[in-house]
Amino acid sequence: MLTSSMSTLDSTFTSSAKLVALELFGWFRLPGDVRPNGRRGVLSPSEPSVNLIHVSLGEDTYSYTYN
């Protein structure tokens, strides 16, 4: 029972990190963005434009919502 509860919590915080890092900040042009000019929007985790900045934003969001 506790394991499934923790899994749900972890899943919730991971979703919020994905929302902020890939979906929200995908609309911005961050340094290292290799998408063609004018293309903006939600990023896929496998896109080459996803870089350390996106990962850091996701980790910060995860840490903030988890603590």
N, C-alpha and C. Protein backbone atom coordinates (compact mmCIF):
# COMPACT_ATOMS: atom_id res chain seq x y z
N MET A 1 0.82 -1.19 0.00
CA MET A 1 0.00 0.00 0.00
C MET A 1 0.87 1.26 0.00
N LEU A 2 1.87 1.29 0.84
CA LEU A 2 2.75 2.44 0.90
C LEU A 2 3.55 2.59 -0.40
N THR A 3 3.94 1.47 -0.96
CA THR A 3 4.70 1.52 -2.21
C THR A 3 3.89 2.15 -3.33
N SER A 4 2.63 1.80 -3.45
CA SER A 4 1.80 2.38 -4.50
C SER A 4 1.53 3.86 -4.24
N SER A 5 1.43 4.24 -2.99
CA SER A 5 1.24 5.65 -2.66
C SER A 5 2.47 6.46 -3.04
N MET A 6 3.64 5.95 -2.74
CA MET A 6 4.88 6.65 -3.09
C MET A 6 5.04 6.70 -4.60
N SER A 7 4.64 5.67 -5.30
CA SER A 7 4.73 5.66 -6.75
C SER A 7 3.84 6.74 -7.35
N THR A 8 2.66 6.91 -6.78
CA THR A 8 1.75 7.95 -7.26
C THR A 8 2.34 9.33 -7.01
N LEU A 9 2.91 9.55 -5.84
CA LEU A 9 3.54 10.84 -5.55
C LEU A 9 4.69 11.11 -6.49
N ASP A 10 5.55 10.12 -6.69
CA ASP A 10 6.69 10.29 -7.58
C ASP A 10 6.22 10.60 -8.99
N SER A 11 5.19 9.93 -9.42
CA SER A 11 4.63 10.14 -10.75
C SER A 11 4.09 11.57 -10.88
N THR A 12 3.46 12.07 -9.84
CA THR A 12 2.91 13.43 -9.87
C THR A 12 4.02 14.46 -10.00
N PHE A 13 5.07 14.31 -9.23
CA PHE A 13 6.16 15.28 -9.26
C PHE A 13 6.95 15.18 -10.56
N THR A 14 7.10 13.99 -11.10
CA THR A 14 7.77 13.84 -12.38
C THR A 14 6.95 14.51 -13.47
N SER A 15 5.65 14.40 -13.41
CA SER A 15 4.78 15.06 -14.38
C SER A 15 4.91 16.57 -14.30
N SER A 16 5.01 17.11 -13.10
CA SER A 16 5.15 18.57 -12.98
C SER A 16 6.50 19.02 -13.52
N ALA A 17 7.54 18.23 -13.32
CA ALA A 17 8.86 18.57 -13.87
C ALA A 17 8.82 18.56 -15.39
N LYS A 18 8.15 17.57 -15.97
CA LYS A 18 8.02 17.49 -17.43
C LYS A 18 7.20 18.67 -17.96
N LEU A 19 6.15 19.01 -17.25
CA LEU A 19 5.31 20.13 -17.66
C LEU A 19 6.12 21.42 -17.73
N VAL A 20 6.90 21.70 -16.71
CA VAL A 20 7.66 22.95 -16.69
C VAL A 20 8.82 22.91 -17.68
N ALA A 21 9.63 21.87 -17.63
CA ALA A 21 10.86 21.84 -18.42
C ALA A 21 10.62 21.68 -19.91
N LEU A 22 9.75 20.76 -20.31
CA LEU A 22 9.57 20.47 -21.73
C LEU A 22 8.39 21.18 -22.37
N GLU A 23 7.29 21.24 -21.67
CA GLU A 23 6.09 21.80 -22.29
C GLU A 23 6.05 23.32 -22.16
N LEU A 24 6.31 23.86 -21.00
CA LEU A 24 6.27 25.32 -20.83
C LEU A 24 7.50 25.99 -21.46
N PHE A 25 8.69 25.53 -21.10
CA PHE A 25 9.90 26.18 -21.61
C PHE A 25 10.22 25.78 -23.04
N GLY A 26 9.47 24.87 -23.62
CA GLY A 26 9.62 24.57 -25.04
C GLY A 26 9.18 25.73 -25.92
N TRP A 27 8.38 26.62 -25.38
CA TRP A 27 7.92 27.79 -26.13
C TRP A 27 8.95 28.90 -26.16
N PHE A 28 9.99 28.80 -25.32
CA PHE A 28 11.04 29.82 -25.27
C PHE A 28 12.26 29.36 -26.05
N ARG A 29 13.03 30.31 -26.53
CA ARG A 29 14.30 30.01 -27.20
C ARG A 29 15.41 30.07 -26.15
N LEU A 30 15.82 28.93 -25.63
CA LEU A 30 16.89 28.89 -24.64
C LEU A 30 18.21 28.65 -25.35
N PRO A 31 19.33 29.03 -24.75
CA PRO A 31 20.63 28.78 -25.37
C PRO A 31 20.80 27.29 -25.69
N GLY A 32 21.34 27.01 -26.86
CA GLY A 32 21.53 25.63 -27.29
C GLY A 32 20.37 25.06 -28.07
N ASP A 33 19.34 25.86 -28.31
CA ASP A 33 18.17 25.40 -29.06
C ASP A 33 18.53 25.29 -30.54
N VAL A 34 18.46 24.08 -31.09
CA VAL A 34 18.87 23.86 -32.49
C VAL A 34 17.67 23.73 -33.44
N ARG A 35 16.48 24.04 -32.96
CA ARG A 35 15.32 23.98 -33.84
C ARG A 35 15.40 25.09 -34.87
N PRO A 36 14.82 24.87 -36.06
CA PRO A 36 14.83 25.93 -37.08
C PRO A 36 14.16 27.20 -36.56
N ASN A 37 14.61 28.34 -37.06
CA ASN A 37 14.03 29.62 -36.63
C ASN A 37 12.52 29.62 -36.80
N GLY A 38 11.86 30.15 -35.81
CA GLY A 38 10.41 30.24 -35.87
C GLY A 38 9.69 29.04 -35.29
N ARG A 39 10.36 27.90 -35.13
CA ARG A 39 9.68 26.73 -34.58
C ARG A 39 9.76 26.77 -33.05
N ARG A 40 8.61 26.78 -32.46
CA ARG A 40 8.51 26.77 -31.00
C ARG A 40 7.39 25.82 -30.61
N GLY A 41 7.39 25.43 -29.38
CA GLY A 41 6.33 24.58 -28.89
C GLY A 41 6.85 23.50 -27.98
N VAL A 42 5.99 22.58 -27.65
CA VAL A 42 6.31 21.50 -26.73
C VAL A 42 7.47 20.68 -27.27
N LEU A 43 8.42 20.36 -26.38
CA LEU A 43 9.59 19.56 -26.75
C LEU A 43 9.37 18.11 -26.39
N SER A 44 9.91 17.24 -27.20
CA SER A 44 9.94 15.81 -26.90
C SER A 44 11.25 15.54 -26.15
N PRO A 45 11.27 14.62 -25.19
CA PRO A 45 12.51 14.35 -24.46
C PRO A 45 13.66 13.89 -25.36
N SER A 46 13.36 13.37 -26.53
CA SER A 46 14.41 12.86 -27.41
C SER A 46 14.93 13.90 -28.40
N GLU A 47 14.38 15.11 -28.39
CA GLU A 47 14.83 16.15 -29.32
C GLU A 47 16.23 16.63 -28.95
N PRO A 48 17.05 16.96 -29.96
CA PRO A 48 18.39 17.46 -29.66
C PRO A 48 18.41 18.83 -29.00
N SER A 49 17.30 19.55 -29.04
CA SER A 49 17.24 20.87 -28.40
C SER A 49 17.13 20.78 -26.89
N VAL A 50 16.77 19.62 -26.38
CA VAL A 50 16.69 19.45 -24.93
C VAL A 50 18.12 19.38 -24.40
N ASN A 51 18.45 20.32 -23.53
CA ASN A 51 19.82 20.39 -23.04
C ASN A 51 19.85 20.50 -21.52
N LEU A 52 21.00 20.81 -21.00
CA LEU A 52 21.19 20.87 -19.55
C LEU A 52 20.27 21.89 -18.89
N ILE A 53 19.95 22.96 -19.57
CA ILE A 53 19.06 23.97 -18.99
C ILE A 53 17.68 23.36 -18.73
N HIS A 54 17.14 22.62 -19.70
CA HIS A 54 15.84 21.98 -19.52
C HIS A 54 15.89 20.96 -18.38
N VAL A 55 16.95 20.19 -18.33
CA VAL A 55 17.09 19.19 -17.27
C VAL A 55 17.15 19.88 -15.91
N SER A 56 17.91 20.98 -15.81
CA SER A 56 18.01 21.71 -14.55
C SER A 56 16.67 22.29 -14.12
N LEU A 57 15.92 22.84 -15.08
CA LEU A 57 14.59 23.37 -14.77
C LEU A 57 13.68 22.26 -14.23
N GLY A 58 13.73 21.11 -14.87
CA GLY A 58 12.92 19.97 -14.41
C GLY A 58 13.32 19.50 -13.03
N GLU A 59 14.63 19.43 -12.78
CA GLU A 59 15.10 19.00 -11.47
C GLU A 59 14.71 20.00 -10.39
N ASP A 60 14.84 21.30 -10.70
CA ASP A 60 14.46 22.32 -9.73
C ASP A 60 12.97 22.26 -9.42
N THR A 61 12.16 22.04 -10.45
CA THR A 61 10.71 21.92 -10.24
C THR A 61 10.41 20.70 -9.39
N TYR A 62 11.06 19.59 -9.69
CA TYR A 62 10.86 18.35 -8.93
C TYR A 62 11.24 18.57 -7.47
N SER A 63 12.40 19.21 -7.25
CA SER A 63 12.87 19.45 -5.88
C SER A 63 11.91 20.38 -5.13
N TYR A 64 11.45 21.42 -5.82
CA TYR A 64 10.56 22.39 -5.19
C TYR A 64 9.23 21.76 -4.80
N THR A 65 8.66 20.96 -5.70
CA THR A 65 7.35 20.37 -5.39
C THR A 65 7.47 19.21 -4.42
N TYR A 66 8.64 18.57 -4.37
CA TYR A 66 8.81 17.41 -3.51
C TYR A 66 9.07 17.82 -2.07
N ASN A 67 9.71 18.96 -1.87
CA ASN A 67 10.06 19.39 -0.50
C ASN A 67 9.03 20.30 0.09
